[in-house]
């Protein structure tokens, strides 16, 4: 299966809910929610993609001609590449009923594991979503990151029991999901968390690495670190929770610079659509990246084979970019290898 064939099959499977555009840039779906779009005008999702494209690569082939090593070590594990599949929930609502969350996570987690990376799994109002997600991670010998929504503390406790039973190597919470409509009117209250509240939630994991997803400011990163987070994901939830946000590419460099030496690992998502974009993110200070919407296309268009095709595409593009910039390991990717917009 080629990447183009994958997109064509996904387009048919989506039935018009998603256009499986040649490049997932946020323009074809804009504010389509339910669907793959973004909140309000759809500006934030499109901006995420556009701002990565404004960063240019500084080519340098006056260097040794050696093999490229893309191995990424995070959370005590080695991964073949520095990118992960991001969490997506309610796929049958937003895309089509060809998949539900159970089937989607089963395919994604297993195939990502088989191909040397890991998948972050989604959460939902139906308890079966987290039950199935953590079961998929357990079947993959713990290679996966269950992502818990910022529910009320009693619901979080219940979900954390499932998380711990999965044997996962890390757990995440997408705190920016506080902007999703189904969380806003929860009883008991769900949504944003104070630093003490987040500290208490992290304590429930009993020492498991905790990733806070949805950080868009230096202050937010500092608060996540104060609460005891192991890592953050610089993310605006793909533009789905707040219109008119800055792009993740715009805020990543300042967050990475501010947190340098803190020990906090930094991941980023939002509009990253190629191995070249992955290289840019690493040069801007990220330790790894998350990619979400394209993996939905991968699963709908080709199941396990589609996931492999997508991973291989990003990996080949990353290796090529590293070779053309003289970076033979991820540690050799430096800020001077990219040109930021003025």
Protein backbone atom coordinates (compact mmCIF):
# COMPACT_ATOMS: atom_id res chain seq x y z
CA UNK A 1 0.00 0.00 0.00
CA UNK A 2 1.26 3.46 -0.89
CA UNK A 3 0.53 6.57 1.16
CA UNK A 4 -1.68 7.88 -1.66
CA UNK A 5 -3.67 4.63 -1.74
CA UNK A 6 -4.04 4.88 2.03
CA UNK A 7 -5.53 8.36 1.73
CA UNK A 8 -7.93 7.31 -1.04
CA UNK A 9 -9.24 4.38 1.02
CA UNK A 10 -9.58 6.56 4.11
CA UNK A 11 -11.50 9.18 2.14
CA UNK A 12 -14.05 6.55 1.14
CA UNK A 13 -14.25 5.18 4.70
CA UNK A 14 -14.83 8.65 6.15
CA UNK A 15 -17.87 9.19 3.92
CA UNK A 16 -17.37 12.94 3.72
CA UNK A 17 -16.84 13.66 7.42
CA UNK A 18 -13.12 14.05 6.73
CA UNK A 19 -11.69 14.74 3.27
CA UNK A 20 -8.38 12.95 3.92
CA UNK A 21 -6.68 15.88 2.21
CA UNK A 22 -3.29 15.31 0.54
CA UNK A 23 -1.90 17.44 3.39
CA UNK A 24 -3.89 17.65 6.61
CA UNK A 25 -3.53 21.42 7.03
CA UNK A 26 -6.82 22.36 8.72
CA UNK A 27 -8.22 24.21 5.71
CA UNK A 28 -10.49 21.53 4.23
CA UNK A 29 -12.46 20.91 7.44
CA UNK A 30 -11.92 24.24 9.28
CA UNK A 31 -14.68 24.52 11.92
CA UNK A 32 -16.35 21.18 11.23
CA UNK A 33 -17.22 19.80 14.69
CA UNK A 34 -18.39 17.11 15.09
CA UNK A 35 -15.76 16.19 12.59
CA UNK A 36 -12.00 16.66 12.31
CA UNK A 37 -12.05 20.46 12.35
CA UNK A 38 -11.39 23.08 15.02
CA UNK A 39 -13.40 25.36 17.28
CA UNK A 40 -14.82 28.71 16.20
CA UNK A 41 -13.43 29.83 12.86
CA UNK A 42 -11.05 26.88 12.68
CA UNK A 43 -8.14 29.33 12.68
CA UNK A 44 -5.99 27.58 15.28
CA UNK A 45 -5.73 24.23 13.52
CA UNK A 46 -4.76 25.87 10.24
CA UNK A 47 -2.28 28.13 12.03
CA UNK A 48 -0.63 25.12 13.67
CA UNK A 49 0.25 23.71 10.26
CA UNK A 50 1.14 27.02 8.62
CA UNK A 51 3.63 28.08 11.30
CA UNK A 52 5.70 24.89 10.97
CA UNK A 53 5.96 25.67 7.25
CA UNK A 54 7.42 29.10 7.98
CA UNK A 55 10.39 27.48 9.72
CA UNK A 56 13.09 26.68 7.15
CA UNK A 57 15.87 24.09 7.20
CA UNK A 58 19.55 25.07 7.13
CA UNK A 59 21.14 22.48 4.84
CA UNK A 60 24.77 21.51 5.48
CA UNK A 61 26.35 18.55 3.70
CA UNK A 62 29.95 19.42 4.57
CA UNK A 63 30.06 16.74 7.23
CA UNK A 64 30.94 13.10 7.69
CA UNK A 65 28.86 10.63 5.69
CA UNK A 66 27.66 8.31 8.44
CA UNK A 67 24.45 6.35 9.12
CA UNK A 68 21.64 8.18 10.92
CA UNK A 69 20.42 6.91 14.29
CA UNK A 70 16.85 8.00 15.12
CA UNK A 71 16.52 6.14 18.45
CA UNK A 72 14.76 8.23 21.08
CA UNK A 73 15.09 7.43 24.78
CA UNK A 74 12.21 8.67 26.92
CA UNK A 75 10.64 7.52 30.19
CA UNK A 76 13.25 4.78 30.60
CA UNK A 77 12.53 3.20 27.20
CA UNK A 78 14.06 3.28 23.73
CA UNK A 79 11.82 4.06 20.76
CA UNK A 80 12.81 3.65 17.12
CA UNK A 81 11.75 7.20 16.27
CA UNK A 82 11.05 10.44 18.20
CA UNK A 83 7.35 10.57 17.39
CA UNK A 84 4.20 9.05 18.84
CA UNK A 85 0.59 8.67 17.74
CA UNK A 86 -1.49 11.25 19.60
CA UNK A 87 -4.73 10.48 21.47
CA UNK A 88 -8.01 10.67 19.57
CA UNK A 89 -11.44 9.91 21.04
CA UNK A 90 -14.98 9.46 19.73
CA UNK A 91 -13.74 8.49 16.26
CA UNK A 92 -17.15 7.14 15.26
CA UNK A 93 -18.70 10.55 16.04
CA UNK A 94 -16.06 12.69 14.35
CA UNK A 95 -15.10 10.48 11.40
CA UNK A 96 -17.42 7.52 10.69
CA UNK A 97 -18.72 4.32 12.25
CA UNK A 98 -16.27 2.21 10.24
CA UNK A 99 -14.34 2.34 13.54
CA UNK A 100 -15.31 2.87 17.13
CA UNK A 101 -12.81 3.77 19.85
CA UNK A 102 -12.32 0.13 20.83
CA UNK A 103 -11.33 -1.04 17.34
CA UNK A 104 -9.34 2.13 16.67
CA UNK A 105 -7.19 1.76 19.80
CA UNK A 106 -6.73 -1.98 19.28
CA UNK A 107 -5.31 -1.40 15.80
CA UNK A 108 -3.29 1.70 16.64
CA UNK A 109 -1.64 0.52 19.85
CA UNK A 110 -0.61 -2.86 18.43
CA UNK A 111 0.71 -1.49 15.15
CA UNK A 112 2.62 1.38 16.74
CA UNK A 113 4.26 -1.07 19.14
CA UNK A 114 5.16 -3.43 16.31
CA UNK A 115 6.79 -0.56 14.41
CA UNK A 116 8.90 0.77 17.24
CA UNK A 117 6.91 3.72 18.57
CA UNK A 118 3.95 4.05 20.96
CA UNK A 119 0.39 5.33 20.85
CA UNK A 120 -1.34 7.68 23.25
CA UNK A 121 -4.95 6.49 23.66
CA UNK A 122 -8.07 8.60 24.12
CA UNK A 123 -10.78 8.78 26.77
CA UNK A 124 -14.53 9.39 26.66
CA UNK A 125 -17.78 9.68 28.57
CA UNK A 126 -18.46 5.98 28.00
CA UNK A 127 -16.41 4.03 30.60
CA UNK A 128 -15.84 1.30 28.01
CA UNK A 129 -13.53 3.63 26.06
CA UNK A 130 -10.89 3.74 28.81
CA UNK A 131 -11.46 0.09 29.65
CA UNK A 132 -10.75 -0.92 26.06
CA UNK A 133 -7.85 1.51 25.67
CA UNK A 134 -6.05 0.22 28.75
CA UNK A 135 -6.77 -3.37 27.69
CA UNK A 136 -5.09 -2.64 24.34
CA UNK A 137 -2.06 -1.22 26.15
CA UNK A 138 -1.93 -4.26 28.42
CA UNK A 139 -1.96 -6.58 25.39
CA UNK A 140 0.98 -4.59 24.00
CA UNK A 141 2.99 -5.28 27.18
CA UNK A 142 2.46 -1.76 28.46
CA UNK A 143 3.70 0.03 25.33
CA UNK A 144 1.16 2.82 25.23
CA UNK A 145 0.12 5.97 27.08
CA UNK A 146 -3.48 6.11 28.33
CA UNK A 147 -4.63 9.73 28.29
CA UNK A 148 -7.17 10.60 30.97
CA UNK A 149 -9.52 13.56 30.63
CA UNK A 150 -9.62 16.12 33.50
CA UNK A 151 -12.71 14.63 35.14
CA UNK A 152 -13.72 15.08 38.76
CA UNK A 153 -11.37 13.40 41.21
CA UNK A 154 -13.58 10.36 41.89
CA UNK A 155 -13.80 9.54 38.19
CA UNK A 156 -10.06 10.05 37.82
CA UNK A 157 -9.41 7.61 40.66
CA UNK A 158 -11.47 4.95 38.89
CA UNK A 159 -9.65 5.51 35.59
CA UNK A 160 -6.24 5.49 37.26
CA UNK A 161 -6.90 1.98 38.55
CA UNK A 162 -7.38 0.87 34.95
CA UNK A 163 -4.25 2.78 33.93
CA UNK A 164 -2.10 1.08 36.56
CA UNK A 165 -3.48 -2.35 35.65
CA UNK A 166 -2.49 -1.78 32.01
CA UNK A 167 1.22 -1.81 32.87
CA UNK A 168 1.71 1.33 30.73
CA UNK A 169 5.13 2.98 30.86
CA UNK A 170 3.54 6.45 31.35
CA UNK A 171 0.17 8.14 31.75
CA UNK A 172 -1.05 11.46 30.38
CA UNK A 173 -3.80 13.95 31.10
CA UNK A 174 -4.98 16.38 28.41
CA UNK A 175 -5.81 19.27 30.72
CA UNK A 176 -6.79 21.42 27.74
CA UNK A 177 -9.77 19.11 27.23
CA UNK A 178 -11.39 21.35 29.85
CA UNK A 179 -12.62 23.29 26.81
CA UNK A 180 -14.58 20.39 25.34
CA UNK A 181 -18.36 20.82 25.63
CA UNK A 182 -19.02 17.43 27.21
CA UNK A 183 -16.71 18.28 30.12
CA UNK A 184 -18.02 21.79 30.77
CA UNK A 185 -21.34 20.72 32.27
CA UNK A 186 -20.27 17.63 34.17
CA UNK A 187 -21.66 16.90 37.61
CA UNK A 188 -19.57 16.60 39.77
CA UNK A 189 -17.48 19.37 38.17
CA UNK A 190 -14.76 18.50 35.66
CA UNK A 191 -12.30 20.70 33.82
CA UNK A 192 -9.28 22.82 34.66
CA UNK A 193 -7.03 21.82 37.57
CA UNK A 194 -5.08 23.87 40.08
CA UNK A 195 -1.46 22.97 40.84
CA UNK A 196 -2.42 21.26 44.14
CA UNK A 197 -5.20 19.33 42.38
CA UNK A 198 -2.81 18.19 39.66
CA UNK A 199 -0.25 17.21 42.31
CA UNK A 200 -2.83 14.97 43.98
CA UNK A 201 -3.78 13.42 40.64
CA UNK A 202 -0.13 12.67 39.83
CA UNK A 203 0.21 10.99 43.23
CA UNK A 204 -2.48 8.49 42.19
CA UNK A 205 -0.13 7.01 39.58
CA UNK A 206 2.23 5.80 42.33
CA UNK A 207 5.41 6.91 40.63
CA UNK A 208 4.50 6.32 37.00
CA UNK A 209 5.80 9.04 34.62
CA UNK A 210 3.06 11.64 34.20
CA UNK A 211 2.64 13.76 31.06
CA UNK A 212 0.59 16.96 31.12
CA UNK A 213 -0.82 17.66 27.66
CA UNK A 214 -2.14 21.10 26.77
CA UNK A 215 0.62 23.52 27.83
CA UNK A 216 0.91 26.73 25.77
CA UNK A 217 2.87 29.13 28.01
CA UNK A 218 6.07 29.21 30.05
CA UNK A 219 3.95 29.78 33.14
CA UNK A 220 1.90 26.69 32.36
CA UNK A 221 5.07 24.61 31.98
CA UNK A 222 6.40 25.89 35.29
CA UNK A 223 3.13 25.00 37.03
CA UNK A 224 3.15 21.50 35.53
CA UNK A 225 6.70 20.99 36.79
CA UNK A 226 5.74 22.29 40.24
CA UNK A 227 2.88 19.77 40.37
CA UNK A 228 5.35 16.97 39.72
CA UNK A 229 4.90 16.25 36.01
CA UNK A 230 7.59 14.25 34.24
CA UNK A 231 6.81 15.78 30.87
CA UNK A 232 4.53 18.21 29.09
CA UNK A 233 3.00 18.29 25.63
CA UNK A 234 2.97 21.76 24.11
CA UNK A 235 -0.50 21.56 22.61
CA UNK A 236 -3.66 23.54 21.92
CA UNK A 237 -5.70 20.34 21.38
CA UNK A 238 -5.48 20.78 17.62
CA UNK A 239 -7.49 23.98 17.88
CA UNK A 240 -10.53 22.08 19.14
CA UNK A 241 -10.89 23.80 22.51
CA UNK A 242 -10.15 27.51 21.93
CA UNK A 243 -10.19 29.66 18.81
CA UNK A 244 -7.48 32.26 18.07
CA UNK A 245 -4.69 30.48 19.97
CA UNK A 246 -1.09 30.86 18.87
CA UNK A 247 0.35 27.89 17.01
CA UNK A 248 2.41 25.38 18.96
CA UNK A 249 5.43 26.18 16.74
CA UNK A 250 5.23 29.79 17.93
CA UNK A 251 5.44 29.00 21.64
CA UNK A 252 7.65 25.88 21.69
CA UNK A 253 11.04 27.66 21.49
CA UNK A 254 10.33 29.97 24.44
CA UNK A 255 8.93 27.14 26.57
CA UNK A 256 11.89 24.87 25.77
CA UNK A 257 14.37 27.65 26.55
CA UNK A 258 12.68 28.47 29.87
CA UNK A 259 12.58 24.84 31.01
CA UNK A 260 16.11 23.92 29.91
CA UNK A 261 17.94 22.19 32.74
CA UNK A 262 14.73 21.56 34.70
CA UNK A 263 14.59 17.87 33.80
CA UNK A 264 11.08 18.30 32.39
CA UNK A 265 10.71 16.48 29.07
CA UNK A 266 9.01 18.47 26.33
CA UNK A 267 6.81 17.02 23.60
CA UNK A 268 4.78 18.98 21.06
CA UNK A 269 1.86 18.37 18.70
CA UNK A 270 -0.33 20.41 16.38
CA UNK A 271 0.04 20.52 12.60
CA UNK A 272 3.15 18.32 12.41
CA UNK A 273 2.70 16.51 9.10
CA UNK A 274 6.08 15.24 7.93
CA UNK A 275 9.49 14.06 9.04
CA UNK A 276 10.76 17.51 8.09
CA UNK A 277 8.32 19.03 10.61
CA UNK A 278 9.50 16.54 13.22
CA UNK A 279 13.10 17.68 12.62
CA UNK A 280 12.00 21.32 13.03
CA UNK A 281 10.29 20.54 16.34
CA UNK A 282 13.37 18.79 17.70
CA UNK A 283 15.57 21.70 16.61
CA UNK A 284 13.21 24.06 18.44
CA UNK A 285 13.69 22.18 21.70
CA UNK A 286 11.24 19.28 21.74
CA UNK A 287 12.36 15.84 22.91
CA UNK A 288 9.68 14.17 20.75
CA UNK A 289 6.42 14.94 18.97
CA UNK A 290 2.84 13.67 18.82
CA UNK A 291 0.86 13.32 15.59
CA UNK A 292 -2.88 12.67 15.84
CA UNK A 293 -5.19 13.28 12.85
CA UNK A 294 -2.96 11.53 10.24
CA UNK A 295 -3.05 8.35 12.30
CA UNK A 296 -6.85 8.38 12.10
CA UNK A 297 -6.44 8.44 8.32
CA UNK A 298 -3.94 5.60 8.66
CA UNK A 299 -6.28 3.35 10.63
CA UNK A 300 -9.37 4.09 8.54
CA UNK A 301 -7.47 3.75 5.28
CA UNK A 302 -5.35 0.71 5.94
CA UNK A 303 -5.69 -0.60 9.51
CA UNK A 304 -2.35 -1.99 10.77
CA UNK A 305 -0.72 -1.67 7.34
CA UNK A 306 -1.85 1.94 7.14
CA UNK A 307 -0.19 2.73 10.45
CA UNK A 308 3.06 1.16 9.24
CA UNK A 309 2.95 3.09 5.97
CA UNK A 310 2.48 6.35 7.89
CA UNK A 311 5.30 5.62 10.35
CA UNK A 312 7.66 4.62 7.54
CA UNK A 313 6.87 7.82 5.63
CA UNK A 314 7.65 10.10 8.57
CA UNK A 315 10.76 8.09 9.46
CA UNK A 316 12.19 8.27 5.92
CA UNK A 317 11.60 12.02 5.76
CA UNK A 318 13.23 12.54 9.14
CA UNK A 319 16.30 10.47 8.22
CA UNK A 320 16.71 12.36 4.94
CA UNK A 321 16.49 15.74 6.68
CA UNK A 322 19.00 14.71 9.33
CA UNK A 323 21.44 13.51 6.67
CA UNK A 324 21.13 16.76 4.73
CA UNK A 325 21.85 18.80 7.87
CA UNK A 326 24.73 16.72 9.22
CA UNK A 327 22.86 15.38 12.25
CA UNK A 328 23.62 11.68 12.72
CA UNK A 329 21.81 11.33 16.04
CA UNK A 330 18.86 13.15 17.61
CA UNK A 331 21.26 14.78 20.08
CA UNK A 332 23.08 16.40 17.15
CA UNK A 333 19.94 18.27 16.02
CA UNK A 334 20.55 21.84 17.18
CA UNK A 335 18.66 25.16 16.96
CA UNK A 336 21.07 26.53 14.34
CA UNK A 337 19.86 23.86 11.89
CA UNK A 338 16.62 25.77 11.37
CA UNK A 339 15.77 29.36 10.47
CA UNK A 340 12.86 30.79 12.44
CA UNK A 341 10.57 33.44 10.91
CA UNK A 342 11.30 37.04 11.91
